[in-house]
C-alpha cells in the first residue's frame, strides 16, 4: 500500500526542479516528470466540470487516469479526442447505461412536470425512493471496483499520487482510503449540505446559512429560518439512516474494521467547492475548503461560419441564446409551443438548443440546434440575453460574459441559483409550468431593454473576475499541492479526530456541571453549618 509521505517525494522532486527553471512561478510550470492522478468523475454537468481540471492537469504534464463504469451515461471513454489526453480504465458493472440514465430521467421528469402539483408527502416518498435506488446502483458499482482483485491490483501497481473525486461517484473515497492515497473532493453542494457538514465539518448555522438548495439568502425571515432548521434536521436524519443501513456497513466490511462514509470522506485533504463569493453568501468555511466557482469559464472562441452568419444577421437587435442544460434535451409539446410562441414576439433572433420535435409555433427568427457552443455564443458581442434553467455551469458562463438572464428553473439547485441572481437584480425568474408566452416575451424585453439588468450583471462579472488567480488555476494548484506534499493534513480541522461527545463538548460540559454542582453543594453545606453555629451562639447568649 502506497504511503503518503512516499508519494510526495517524487512530486516534490519535479516541483523543486521546476521552481529553479521558472523562477518560482507555479502557474506556467510544465514539468518533465509530472504526477499521476486517479479520477472518479461524476455524470452529466459534473463530468463537464471535472474535464476542465483534468485537461489542465494534462497540459501541465501530469498523467490522468479516469476510472469509469462501462454503463456511464455521459463519459464517452471511446472518444478518440479524449483518449489522446486521458487514460481510461473501464470496469464492468451489473447494469446497463439505459437503466442508469432512466433513473435520472425519471427523477428529472417528476421534478419538472409532477412535483409542483404533488403533496409534500408524495415528494418525500418519491425522493426517498430515488435515493434508495441510486444507492443500490452505487453499491453494485462499488462491488465492481473494490471486489475486483485484478482492478485493485492494477490501481496499486500504478502508484498514483492523488485521487480526484466527485462524490456523485460512490466509493471513490473508499478506494482512495484502501490505496492510502491523498484525496481531493470536487462538488457544488450536497442536499442539505450533509456531506459538507457531517463529513467535511463545515459549520452551517441555519440562522444565516440556508440549507441547500433552499432559495433563501443569508438574511432570512423567521419562517425561512424555521424551514432552514427543519430542512437541516430532516436531511441529516434521512441521510444518516440511509448511510447506517447501507454504506456504513459496506465500508466496514471492506475495511475489515468499523468505518463509515463520513470517516473516509472526512479524510479528504482538499474540498474544491464549485461556487464563489460573487454569488455565494458569506459563511464560515474550514481552511481546506477552496471555492473555485466558474473554473470552466473562458474567453469566447470564434464561431463556426454558419453560426457567425446567423449572429451577424440579427443586426442591432442581437440574439437570445436558449439552453435548458445537458440533461434536458426536449420538452412536452405544450411547453415547447408556449416557449416558441414567446420567441416569435421579440425582435431579436433566437438560437435554441433543442432536440425534440419541432414546435408548431416556431417562428422564422428562431434556429433550433441539437448542440450549441454555449460559452462562445454567450461571449459573442451580438448576444443580448440568455434563457436558462439555472444550472451552475451555464449560470457562471453568463456571469463571466456579463449576459443578463431569464431563468426558468426545472429541478435540483436551479431555483436556488436563480434566486441568488434575482437578489442581485440580474435575472427575471419565471415558473416553468405556469408561465405564458406573453410573460416570457415580456421578461425578455425587460432584461434586454432595461439598463439595470445589464448593469447588475456587469457588476457581478467584475466581482467574478477580480481574484488573485483564475478558478481553474486555483483548483489545479491545490491538486498539485496535495501531490507535492502527500496531502494537506495541516489544513484539516482537528474535529475530525474527536468523537461526538468531545466534538460537542459533552465531556467538558459534564465536568463543569459536576464541578459547579459540587462547589454549590459545598457552599450550601458550609453556609448551613455557619448558620447553625450562629443559631447555637444566639441560643447560648439568651440562656
Protein backbone atom coordinates (compact mmCIF):
# COMPACT_ATOMS: atom_id res chain seq x y z
CA UNK A 1 0.00 0.00 0.00
CA UNK A 2 1.49 3.38 -1.03
CA UNK A 3 2.11 5.79 1.76
CA UNK A 4 1.52 9.49 1.60
CA UNK A 5 4.99 10.56 2.51
CA UNK A 6 6.43 8.23 -0.10
CA UNK A 7 4.13 9.67 -2.79
CA UNK A 8 5.16 13.22 -2.09
CA UNK A 9 8.87 12.65 -2.58
CA UNK A 10 8.59 12.08 -6.33
CA UNK A 11 6.29 15.03 -6.80
CA UNK A 12 8.49 17.24 -4.65
CA UNK A 13 11.40 16.44 -6.96
CA UNK A 14 9.76 17.79 -10.08
CA UNK A 15 8.29 20.73 -8.16
CA UNK A 16 11.66 21.98 -6.89
CA UNK A 17 13.32 21.41 -10.24
CA UNK A 18 10.62 23.44 -11.97
CA UNK A 19 10.92 26.29 -9.50
CA UNK A 20 14.58 26.66 -10.40
CA UNK A 21 13.68 26.69 -14.08
CA UNK A 22 10.74 29.11 -13.89
CA UNK A 23 11.85 31.49 -11.15
CA UNK A 24 9.31 30.17 -8.64
CA UNK A 25 6.08 30.60 -10.64
CA UNK A 26 3.69 27.66 -10.37
CA UNK A 27 1.18 28.99 -12.92
CA UNK A 28 3.34 28.46 -16.01
CA UNK A 29 5.10 25.33 -14.81
CA UNK A 30 5.21 22.35 -17.19
CA UNK A 31 7.36 19.64 -15.70
CA UNK A 32 9.36 16.97 -17.45
CA UNK A 33 8.15 14.38 -14.93
CA UNK A 34 4.60 15.08 -13.76
CA UNK A 35 2.46 13.33 -11.20
CA UNK A 36 -0.19 10.62 -11.59
CA UNK A 37 -3.80 11.40 -10.73
CA UNK A 38 -6.65 8.90 -10.44
CA UNK A 39 -10.03 10.49 -11.24
CA UNK A 40 -13.55 9.37 -10.28
CA UNK A 41 -15.77 11.67 -12.38
CA UNK A 42 -19.44 12.46 -11.87
CA UNK A 43 -22.04 12.39 -14.62
CA UNK A 44 -23.64 14.99 -16.90
CA UNK A 45 -22.63 18.56 -15.95
CA UNK A 46 -20.41 17.16 -13.17
CA UNK A 47 -18.31 15.41 -15.83
CA UNK A 48 -18.01 18.64 -17.85
CA UNK A 49 -16.65 20.42 -14.77
CA UNK A 50 -14.20 17.65 -13.93
CA UNK A 51 -12.92 17.56 -17.51
CA UNK A 52 -11.64 21.13 -17.24
CA UNK A 53 -9.48 20.25 -14.23
CA UNK A 54 -8.28 17.08 -15.93
CA UNK A 55 -7.34 18.88 -19.16
CA UNK A 56 -5.36 21.49 -17.25
CA UNK A 57 -3.54 18.76 -15.33
CA UNK A 58 -2.63 17.11 -18.64
CA UNK A 59 -1.47 20.47 -20.01
CA UNK A 60 0.88 20.67 -17.02
CA UNK A 61 2.30 17.27 -17.96
CA UNK A 62 0.53 15.16 -15.37
CA UNK A 63 -0.84 11.72 -16.19
CA UNK A 64 -4.61 11.47 -15.65
CA UNK A 65 -6.33 8.08 -15.33
CA UNK A 66 -10.14 8.06 -15.36
CA UNK A 67 -11.78 5.12 -13.61
CA UNK A 68 -15.22 4.82 -15.23
CA UNK A 69 -18.02 2.23 -15.32
CA UNK A 70 -18.90 0.80 -18.72
CA UNK A 71 -22.52 1.94 -18.11
CA UNK A 72 -21.60 5.63 -17.67
CA UNK A 73 -24.29 7.71 -19.46
CA UNK A 74 -22.07 10.74 -20.08
CA UNK A 75 -18.37 9.77 -20.05
CA UNK A 76 -17.51 8.77 -23.63
CA UNK A 77 -14.49 6.61 -22.93
CA UNK A 78 -14.37 5.55 -26.60
CA UNK A 79 -13.82 9.12 -27.78
CA UNK A 80 -10.61 9.37 -29.80
CA UNK A 81 -10.33 13.03 -28.76
CA UNK A 82 -10.31 12.18 -25.05
CA UNK A 83 -8.24 9.03 -25.47
CA UNK A 84 -5.27 11.15 -26.57
CA UNK A 85 -5.43 13.10 -23.28
CA UNK A 86 -6.63 10.70 -20.60
CA UNK A 87 -6.06 7.08 -19.69
CA UNK A 88 -9.49 5.46 -19.39
CA UNK A 89 -9.70 2.46 -17.08
CA UNK A 90 -13.12 0.95 -17.76
CA UNK A 91 -14.71 -1.67 -15.49
CA UNK A 92 -17.89 -3.68 -15.94
CA UNK A 93 -20.98 -3.15 -13.78
CA UNK A 94 -24.09 -5.38 -13.48
CA UNK A 95 -26.48 -2.85 -15.00
CA UNK A 96 -26.83 -1.04 -18.30
CA UNK A 97 -26.34 2.56 -19.36
CA UNK A 98 -30.05 2.73 -20.19
CA UNK A 99 -31.04 1.64 -16.66
CA UNK A 100 -28.82 4.24 -15.02
CA UNK A 101 -29.86 7.03 -17.38
CA UNK A 102 -33.52 6.00 -16.99
CA UNK A 103 -33.35 6.54 -13.23
CA UNK A 104 -32.07 10.08 -13.80
CA UNK A 105 -34.68 10.81 -16.48
CA UNK A 106 -37.44 9.61 -14.15
CA UNK A 107 -36.26 11.97 -11.39
CA UNK A 108 -35.94 14.91 -13.80
CA UNK A 109 -39.40 14.32 -15.33
CA UNK A 110 -41.06 14.15 -11.91
CA UNK A 111 -39.27 17.31 -10.77
CA UNK A 112 -40.22 19.22 -13.93
CA UNK A 113 -43.82 18.18 -14.52
CA UNK A 114 -45.30 16.49 -11.43
CA UNK A 115 -43.69 17.82 -8.25
CA UNK A 116 -45.43 21.23 -8.39
CA UNK A 117 -48.84 19.51 -8.20
CA UNK A 118 -47.79 16.87 -5.64
CA UNK A 119 -48.19 16.83 -1.88
CA UNK A 120 -45.19 17.17 0.41
CA UNK A 121 -45.63 13.53 1.44
CA UNK A 122 -45.54 12.30 -2.17
CA UNK A 123 -42.45 14.39 -2.93
CA UNK A 124 -40.75 12.98 0.20
CA UNK A 125 -41.61 9.38 -0.72
CA UNK A 126 -40.51 9.89 -4.33
CA UNK A 127 -37.23 11.46 -3.23
CA UNK A 128 -36.58 8.70 -0.69
CA UNK A 129 -37.32 6.01 -3.31
CA UNK A 130 -34.97 7.70 -5.80
CA UNK A 131 -32.22 7.95 -3.17
CA UNK A 132 -32.58 4.27 -2.25
CA UNK A 133 -32.43 3.16 -5.88
CA UNK A 134 -29.45 5.42 -6.55
CA UNK A 135 -27.63 3.91 -3.57
CA UNK A 136 -28.47 0.43 -4.88
CA UNK A 137 -26.86 1.24 -8.24
CA UNK A 138 -23.94 2.85 -6.45
CA UNK A 139 -23.26 -0.12 -4.19
CA UNK A 140 -23.26 -2.53 -7.12
CA UNK A 141 -20.73 -0.23 -8.77
CA UNK A 142 -18.70 -0.24 -5.52
CA UNK A 143 -18.60 -4.04 -5.65
CA UNK A 144 -17.42 -3.91 -9.24
CA UNK A 145 -14.44 -1.80 -8.15
CA UNK A 146 -13.45 -2.92 -4.67
CA UNK A 147 -14.16 -6.65 -5.08
CA UNK A 148 -12.40 -6.81 -8.43
CA UNK A 149 -8.95 -8.04 -7.36
CA UNK A 150 -7.45 -7.57 -10.81
CA UNK A 151 -8.63 -3.95 -10.99
CA UNK A 152 -7.43 -3.13 -7.46
CA UNK A 153 -4.04 -4.68 -8.17
CA UNK A 154 -3.75 -2.56 -11.30
CA UNK A 155 -4.56 0.56 -9.25
CA UNK A 156 -1.97 -0.33 -6.61
CA UNK A 157 0.70 -1.02 -9.21
CA UNK A 158 0.06 2.33 -10.92
CA UNK A 159 1.49 4.24 -7.90
CA UNK A 160 -0.85 7.22 -8.13
CA UNK A 161 -0.03 10.41 -6.25
CA UNK A 162 -3.58 11.59 -5.57
CA UNK A 163 -7.26 10.86 -6.15
CA UNK A 164 -9.66 13.48 -7.57
CA UNK A 165 -13.25 12.59 -6.74
CA UNK A 166 -16.73 13.85 -7.49
CA UNK A 167 -18.81 12.35 -4.61
CA UNK A 168 -21.55 11.67 -7.15
CA UNK A 169 -19.47 8.53 -7.79
CA UNK A 170 -19.90 6.35 -4.73
CA UNK A 171 -16.94 4.65 -3.01
CA UNK A 172 -14.22 6.67 -4.74
CA UNK A 173 -13.22 7.89 -1.27
CA UNK A 174 -13.10 4.29 -0.05
CA UNK A 175 -10.81 3.29 -2.94
CA UNK A 176 -8.52 6.21 -2.05
CA UNK A 177 -8.51 5.10 1.59
CA UNK A 178 -7.75 1.47 0.71
CA UNK A 179 -4.91 2.58 -1.58
CA UNK A 180 -3.59 5.03 1.04
CA UNK A 181 -3.78 8.00 -1.35
CA UNK A 182 -4.42 11.71 -0.69
CA UNK A 183 -7.95 12.74 -1.66
CA UNK A 184 -9.27 15.89 -3.35
CA UNK A 185 -13.07 16.24 -3.50
CA UNK A 186 -14.85 18.39 -6.09
CA UNK A 187 -18.54 19.26 -5.65
CA UNK A 188 -21.13 22.01 -5.97
CA UNK A 189 -23.12 21.08 -2.87
CA UNK A 190 -24.91 18.14 -1.28
CA UNK A 191 -28.61 18.29 -0.44
CA UNK A 192 -28.96 19.80 2.99
CA UNK A 193 -25.19 20.25 2.98
CA UNK A 194 -24.92 16.82 4.61
CA UNK A 195 -21.54 15.91 3.12
CA UNK A 196 -20.01 19.29 3.89
CA UNK A 197 -21.43 19.45 7.44
CA UNK A 198 -21.20 15.85 8.59
CA UNK A 199 -18.12 14.72 6.66
CA UNK A 200 -16.22 17.95 5.99
CA UNK A 201 -17.16 19.56 9.35
CA UNK A 202 -18.09 22.85 7.67
CA UNK A 203 -20.16 24.95 10.10
CA UNK A 204 -23.64 25.80 8.82
CA UNK A 205 -25.69 27.82 11.34
CA UNK A 206 -29.29 27.61 10.00
CA UNK A 207 -29.93 31.18 11.17
CA UNK A 208 -27.94 32.63 8.24
CA UNK A 209 -26.74 29.66 6.13
CA UNK A 210 -29.88 28.26 4.46
CA UNK A 211 -29.98 24.52 3.83
CA UNK A 212 -29.15 23.79 0.18
CA UNK A 213 -30.97 24.04 -2.12
CA UNK A 214 -33.47 26.35 -0.38
CA UNK A 215 -33.69 29.60 -2.42
CA UNK A 216 -33.04 31.87 0.58
CA UNK A 217 -30.39 34.48 1.22
CA UNK A 218 -28.35 34.93 4.38
CA UNK A 219 -30.89 37.37 5.85
CA UNK A 220 -33.95 35.22 6.42
CA UNK A 221 -37.35 35.84 7.96
CA UNK A 222 -38.46 33.84 10.99
CA UNK A 223 -40.39 31.40 8.80
CA UNK A 224 -37.41 30.93 6.45
CA UNK A 225 -35.07 30.30 9.38
CA UNK A 226 -37.55 27.77 10.74
CA UNK A 227 -37.76 25.98 7.37
CA UNK A 228 -33.97 26.06 7.07
CA UNK A 229 -33.51 24.48 10.50
CA UNK A 230 -36.16 21.80 9.86
CA UNK A 231 -34.59 21.01 6.46
CA UNK A 232 -31.16 20.57 8.03
CA UNK A 233 -32.54 18.18 10.65
CA UNK A 234 -34.71 16.27 8.16
CA UNK A 235 -31.91 15.80 5.61
CA UNK A 236 -29.44 14.84 8.35
CA UNK A 237 -31.75 12.20 9.83
CA UNK A 238 -32.77 10.69 6.48
CA UNK A 239 -29.22 10.62 5.11
CA UNK A 240 -27.66 9.26 8.29
CA UNK A 241 -30.28 6.50 8.48
CA UNK A 242 -29.70 5.58 4.83
CA UNK A 243 -25.92 5.57 5.33
CA UNK A 244 -26.06 3.47 8.51
CA UNK A 245 -28.34 0.89 6.91
CA UNK A 246 -26.28 0.59 3.73
CA UNK A 247 -22.95 2.32 3.12
CA UNK A 248 -21.50 2.37 6.62
CA UNK A 249 -21.83 -1.41 6.94
CA UNK A 250 -20.33 -1.82 3.48
CA UNK A 251 -17.38 0.44 4.30
CA UNK A 252 -16.75 -1.53 7.49
CA UNK A 253 -16.89 -4.82 5.58
CA UNK A 254 -14.32 -3.62 3.01
CA UNK A 255 -12.02 -2.09 5.65
CA UNK A 256 -12.30 -5.04 7.99
CA UNK A 257 -12.99 -2.71 10.91
CA UNK A 258 -15.79 -0.29 11.93
CA UNK A 259 -15.92 2.53 9.38
CA UNK A 260 -18.35 4.89 7.67
CA UNK A 261 -18.67 7.06 4.59
CA UNK A 262 -18.08 10.20 6.67
CA UNK A 263 -14.95 8.75 8.24
CA UNK A 264 -13.35 8.12 4.83
CA UNK A 265 -14.75 11.15 3.02
CA UNK A 266 -13.74 13.25 6.03
CA UNK A 267 -10.12 12.31 5.30
CA UNK A 268 -10.25 14.47 2.14
CA UNK A 269 -7.28 16.83 2.12
CA UNK A 270 -8.94 19.48 -0.06
CA UNK A 271 -12.58 20.22 -0.93
CA UNK A 272 -12.98 22.13 -4.21
CA UNK A 273 -16.35 23.87 -3.95
CA UNK A 274 -17.70 24.92 -7.35
CA UNK A 275 -19.11 28.29 -6.25
CA UNK A 276 -17.51 31.62 -5.42
CA UNK A 277 -18.22 34.67 -3.30
CA UNK A 278 -19.65 36.59 -6.25
CA UNK A 279 -22.88 34.59 -5.76
CA UNK A 280 -22.25 32.62 -2.56
CA UNK A 281 -23.29 34.34 0.66
CA UNK A 282 -20.61 34.75 3.37
CA UNK A 283 -20.34 31.77 5.72
CA UNK A 284 -17.68 30.07 7.85
CA UNK A 285 -15.59 27.53 5.92
CA UNK A 286 -12.73 25.25 7.01
CA UNK A 287 -9.28 26.12 5.62
CA UNK A 288 -9.26 23.06 3.32
CA UNK A 289 -12.43 24.24 1.53
CA UNK A 290 -11.44 26.16 -1.62
CA UNK A 291 -14.12 27.99 -3.64
CA UNK A 292 -13.50 27.67 -7.39
CA UNK A 293 -16.81 28.64 -8.97
CA UNK A 294 -16.57 29.21 -12.72
CA UNK A 295 -13.49 27.03 -13.25
CA UNK A 296 -14.86 26.02 -16.67
CA UNK A 297 -15.33 29.61 -17.90
CA UNK A 298 -13.03 31.01 -20.58
CA UNK A 299 -12.94 33.68 -23.30
CA UNK A 300 -15.14 33.01 -26.31
CA UNK A 301 -13.68 31.31 -29.38
CA UNK A 302 -14.62 32.08 -32.98
CA UNK A 303 -17.94 30.56 -34.00
CA UNK A 304 -18.38 28.21 -36.97
CA UNK A 305 -19.22 30.11 -40.16
CA UNK A 306 -22.93 29.22 -40.19
CA UNK A 307 -23.42 30.39 -36.60
CA UNK A 308 -21.38 33.56 -37.12
CA UNK A 309 -23.51 34.37 -40.16
CA UNK A 310 -26.65 33.82 -38.09
CA UNK A 311 -25.37 36.11 -35.32
CA UNK A 312 -24.42 38.88 -37.73
CA UNK A 313 -27.79 38.68 -39.50
CA UNK A 314 -29.50 39.82 -36.29
CA UNK A 315 -28.43 43.44 -36.80
CA UNK A 316 -28.69 45.83 -33.85
CA UNK A 317 -31.42 43.78 -32.17
CA UNK A 318 -28.97 40.99 -31.40
CA UNK A 319 -29.50 37.38 -30.39
CA UNK A 320 -31.05 35.46 -27.47
CA UNK A 321 -29.31 32.20 -26.53
CA UNK A 322 -31.52 29.45 -25.09
CA UNK A 323 -30.49 26.23 -23.34
CA UNK A 324 -32.01 24.05 -20.64
CA UNK A 325 -28.82 22.11 -19.95
CA UNK A 326 -27.28 18.78 -20.83
CA UNK A 327 -29.91 16.69 -19.04
CA UNK A 328 -32.99 18.25 -20.71
CA UNK A 329 -32.87 17.98 -24.49
CA UNK A 330 -36.61 18.25 -25.22
CA UNK A 331 -39.85 19.40 -23.62
CA UNK A 332 -43.52 18.46 -23.77
CA UNK A 333 -45.30 19.70 -26.89
CA UNK A 334 -47.41 22.16 -24.92
CA UNK A 335 -44.46 23.78 -23.08
CA UNK A 336 -42.32 23.86 -26.23
CA UNK A 337 -45.11 25.63 -28.13
CA UNK A 338 -45.53 28.22 -25.36
CA UNK A 339 -41.80 29.00 -25.39
CA UNK A 340 -41.58 29.08 -29.21
CA UNK A 341 -44.53 31.48 -29.39
CA UNK A 342 -42.80 33.86 -26.99
CA UNK A 343 -39.64 33.91 -29.10
CA UNK A 344 -41.71 34.90 -32.12
CA UNK A 345 -42.86 38.04 -30.27
CA UNK A 346 -39.42 39.64 -29.87
CA UNK A 347 -37.28 41.44 -32.48
CA UNK A 348 -34.12 39.51 -31.61
CA UNK A 349 -33.06 36.33 -33.34
CA UNK A 350 -33.00 33.21 -31.15
CA UNK A 351 -30.72 30.18 -31.13
CA UNK A 352 -32.23 27.40 -29.06
CA UNK A 353 -30.60 24.14 -28.02
CA UNK A 354 -33.48 21.75 -28.58
CA UNK A 355 -33.56 18.06 -29.52
CA UNK A 356 -37.28 17.28 -29.62
CA UNK A 357 -39.98 17.54 -32.26
CA UNK A 358 -40.04 20.98 -33.88
CA UNK A 359 -42.67 23.16 -32.12
CA UNK A 360 -45.68 24.02 -34.29
CA UNK A 361 -45.44 27.67 -33.25
CA UNK A 362 -41.74 28.04 -34.15
CA UNK A 363 -41.14 31.50 -35.68
CA UNK A 364 -38.78 32.41 -38.51
CA UNK A 365 -36.42 34.23 -36.11
CA UNK A 366 -35.63 31.03 -34.16
CA UNK A 367 -32.92 28.49 -35.01
CA UNK A 368 -33.01 25.05 -33.37
CA UNK A 369 -29.86 23.01 -32.78
CA UNK A 370 -29.13 19.68 -31.03
CA UNK A 371 -25.94 21.21 -29.62
CA UNK A 372 -24.58 24.74 -29.31
CA UNK A 373 -21.15 26.16 -28.33
CA UNK A 374 -22.77 27.85 -25.33
CA UNK A 375 -19.73 29.62 -23.91
CA UNK A 376 -18.74 31.02 -27.32
CA UNK A 377 -22.28 32.22 -28.02
CA UNK A 378 -22.58 33.91 -24.60
CA UNK A 379 -19.27 35.67 -25.22
CA UNK A 380 -20.35 36.99 -28.64
CA UNK A 381 -20.97 40.77 -28.84
CA UNK A 382 -24.35 40.20 -30.52
CA UNK A 383 -25.76 38.21 -27.58
CA UNK A 384 -28.33 40.20 -25.62
CA UNK A 385 -29.84 37.68 -23.18
CA UNK A 386 -29.67 34.07 -22.05
CA UNK A 387 -32.75 31.93 -21.35
CA UNK A 388 -31.62 29.20 -18.96
CA UNK A 389 -32.80 26.60 -16.46
CA UNK A 390 -30.24 27.95 -13.96
CA UNK A 391 -27.65 25.16 -13.89
CA UNK A 392 -24.39 26.17 -12.24
CA UNK A 393 -22.29 25.81 -15.40
CA UNK A 394 -24.47 28.00 -17.61
CA UNK A 395 -25.05 30.48 -14.83
CA UNK A 396 -21.33 31.06 -14.31
CA UNK A 397 -20.71 31.35 -18.05
CA UNK A 398 -23.37 34.09 -18.19
CA UNK A 399 -21.77 35.86 -15.21
CA UNK A 400 -18.32 35.52 -16.80
CA UNK A 401 -19.55 37.18 -20.04
CA UNK A 402 -21.96 39.60 -18.25
CA UNK A 403 -25.11 38.43 -20.07
CA UNK A 404 -28.45 39.15 -18.29
CA UNK A 405 -30.81 36.20 -17.99
CA UNK A 406 -34.36 34.96 -17.95
CA UNK A 407 -34.38 31.99 -15.59
CA UNK A 408 -36.80 29.07 -15.79
CA UNK A 409 -35.74 26.64 -13.02
CA UNK A 410 -36.62 22.98 -13.55
CA UNK A 411 -35.15 20.93 -10.65
CA UNK A 412 -32.32 20.50 -8.14
CA UNK A 413 -30.30 23.57 -7.19
CA UNK A 414 -31.66 25.68 -10.06
CA UNK A 415 -34.26 27.68 -8.05
CA UNK A 416 -31.54 28.50 -5.52
CA UNK A 417 -29.04 29.52 -8.22
CA UNK A 418 -31.53 31.83 -9.91
CA UNK A 419 -32.76 33.25 -6.60
CA UNK A 420 -29.18 34.39 -5.90
CA UNK A 421 -29.02 36.24 -9.20
CA UNK A 422 -32.51 37.63 -8.71
CA UNK A 423 -31.44 39.20 -5.41
CA UNK A 424 -28.67 40.93 -7.37
CA UNK A 425 -31.15 42.21 -9.97
CA UNK A 426 -29.57 40.32 -12.90
CA UNK A 427 -32.37 37.92 -13.86
CA UNK A 428 -36.13 37.60 -14.24
CA UNK A 429 -37.33 34.25 -12.89
CA UNK A 430 -40.43 32.50 -14.29
CA UNK A 431 -42.36 29.37 -13.31
CA UNK A 432 -41.84 26.65 -15.93
CA UNK A 433 -45.27 25.05 -15.57
CA UNK A 434 -47.31 28.25 -15.24
CA UNK A 435 -45.64 30.87 -17.45
CA UNK A 436 -47.42 32.11 -20.56
CA UNK A 437 -45.91 33.16 -23.88
CA UNK A 438 -46.65 36.80 -23.09
CA UNK A 439 -44.88 36.57 -19.71
CA UNK A 440 -41.77 35.05 -21.27
CA UNK A 441 -41.71 37.64 -24.05
CA UNK A 442 -42.16 40.46 -21.52
CA UNK A 443 -39.35 39.07 -19.35
CA UNK A 444 -37.01 39.02 -22.35
CA UNK A 445 -37.90 42.59 -23.29
CA UNK A 446 -37.20 43.65 -19.69
CA UNK A 447 -33.72 42.10 -19.36
CA UNK A 448 -32.72 43.30 -22.85
CA UNK A 449 -34.07 46.85 -22.75
CA UNK A 450 -33.81 47.88 -19.09
CA UNK A 451 -30.21 49.00 -18.34
CA UNK A 452 -30.42 47.86 -14.69
CA UNK A 453 -30.19 44.17 -15.59
CA UNK A 454 -27.10 44.61 -17.74
CA UNK A 455 -25.54 46.90 -15.14
CA UNK A 456 -26.14 44.38 -12.34
CA UNK A 457 -24.65 41.58 -14.41
CA UNK A 458 -21.59 43.68 -15.25
CA UNK A 459 -21.05 44.28 -11.52
CA UNK A 460 -21.28 40.54 -10.77
CA UNK A 461 -18.94 39.81 -13.66
CA UNK A 462 -16.39 42.31 -12.30
CA UNK A 463 -16.53 40.57 -8.89
CA UNK A 464 -16.14 37.18 -10.56
CA UNK A 465 -13.03 38.23 -12.48
CA UNK A 466 -11.40 40.18 -9.64
CA UNK A 467 -9.47 37.47 -7.75
CA UNK A 468 -5.78 36.67 -7.31
CA UNK A 469 -5.85 33.69 -9.70
CA UNK A 470 -8.35 32.15 -12.06
CA UNK A 471 -10.62 29.49 -10.53
CA UNK A 472 -9.14 26.79 -12.77
CA UNK A 473 -5.59 27.72 -11.76
CA UNK A 474 -6.67 27.70 -8.12
CA UNK A 475 -8.26 24.25 -8.43
CA UNK A 476 -5.26 22.75 -10.18
CA UNK A 477 -2.84 24.43 -7.77
CA UNK A 478 -4.47 22.64 -4.85
CA UNK A 479 -4.46 19.29 -6.64
CA UNK A 480 -0.74 19.77 -7.32
CA UNK A 481 -0.22 20.94 -3.73
CA UNK A 482 -1.68 17.68 -2.45
CA UNK A 483 0.53 15.71 -4.82
CA UNK A 484 3.66 17.64 -3.85
CA UNK A 485 3.17 17.21 -0.12
CA UNK A 486 1.39 13.86 0.01
CA UNK A 487 -1.76 15.55 1.31
CA UNK A 488 -2.76 18.68 3.21
CA UNK A 489 -3.38 17.38 6.71
CA UNK A 490 -2.26 20.67 8.22
CA UNK A 491 -5.43 22.27 6.77
CA UNK A 492 -7.86 19.68 8.17
CA UNK A 493 -9.76 20.55 11.33
CA UNK A 494 -8.81 18.64 14.47
CA UNK A 495 -12.53 17.98 14.93
CA UNK A 496 -12.16 15.01 12.58
CA UNK A 497 -10.22 13.23 15.32
CA UNK A 498 -12.81 13.83 18.04
CA UNK A 499 -15.72 11.58 18.93
CA UNK A 500 -19.20 13.05 19.15
CA UNK A 501 -19.17 13.90 22.86
CA UNK A 502 -15.74 15.55 22.56
CA UNK A 503 -16.82 17.47 19.44
CA UNK A 504 -19.95 18.81 21.17
CA UNK A 505 -18.02 19.36 24.45
CA UNK A 506 -20.32 16.95 26.28
CA UNK A 507 -17.41 15.66 28.40
CA UNK A 508 -16.10 19.10 29.38
CA UNK A 509 -19.65 20.36 29.87
CA UNK A 510 -20.41 17.42 32.13
CA UNK A 511 -17.18 18.01 34.05
CA UNK A 512 -18.04 21.69 34.53
CA UNK A 513 -21.56 20.75 35.56
CA UNK A 514 -20.27 18.26 38.15
CA UNK A 515 -17.69 20.79 39.40
CA UNK A 516 -20.35 23.50 39.64
CA UNK A 517 -22.78 21.22 41.46
CA UNK A 518 -20.02 20.05 43.81
CA UNK A 519 -18.98 23.64 44.53
CA UNK A 520 -22.60 24.67 45.06
CA UNK A 521 -23.17 21.71 47.38
CA UNK A 522 -20.04 22.51 49.41
CA UNK A 523 -21.07 26.16 49.63
CA UNK A 524 -24.55 25.20 50.74
CA UNK A 525 -23.18 22.78 53.36
CA UNK A 526 -20.76 25.44 54.57
CA UNK A 527 -23.45 28.08 54.78
CA UNK A 528 -25.77 25.73 56.69
CA UNK A 529 -23.05 24.90 59.20
CA UNK A 530 -22.26 28.58 59.63
CA UNK A 531 -25.93 29.40 60.17
CA UNK A 532 -26.28 26.56 62.70
CA UNK A 533 -23.27 27.83 64.67
CA UNK A 534 -24.70 31.34 64.68
CA UNK A 535 -28.03 29.98 65.83
CA UNK A 536 -26.44 27.99 68.68
CA UNK A 537 -24.45 31.04 69.85
CA UNK A 538 -27.60 33.16 69.97
CA UNK A 539 -29.38 30.45 71.93
CA UNK A 540 -26.46 30.21 74.41
CA UNK A 541 -26.48 34.01 74.94
CA UNK A 542 -30.22 34.04 75.51
CA UNK A 543 -29.90 31.25 78.05
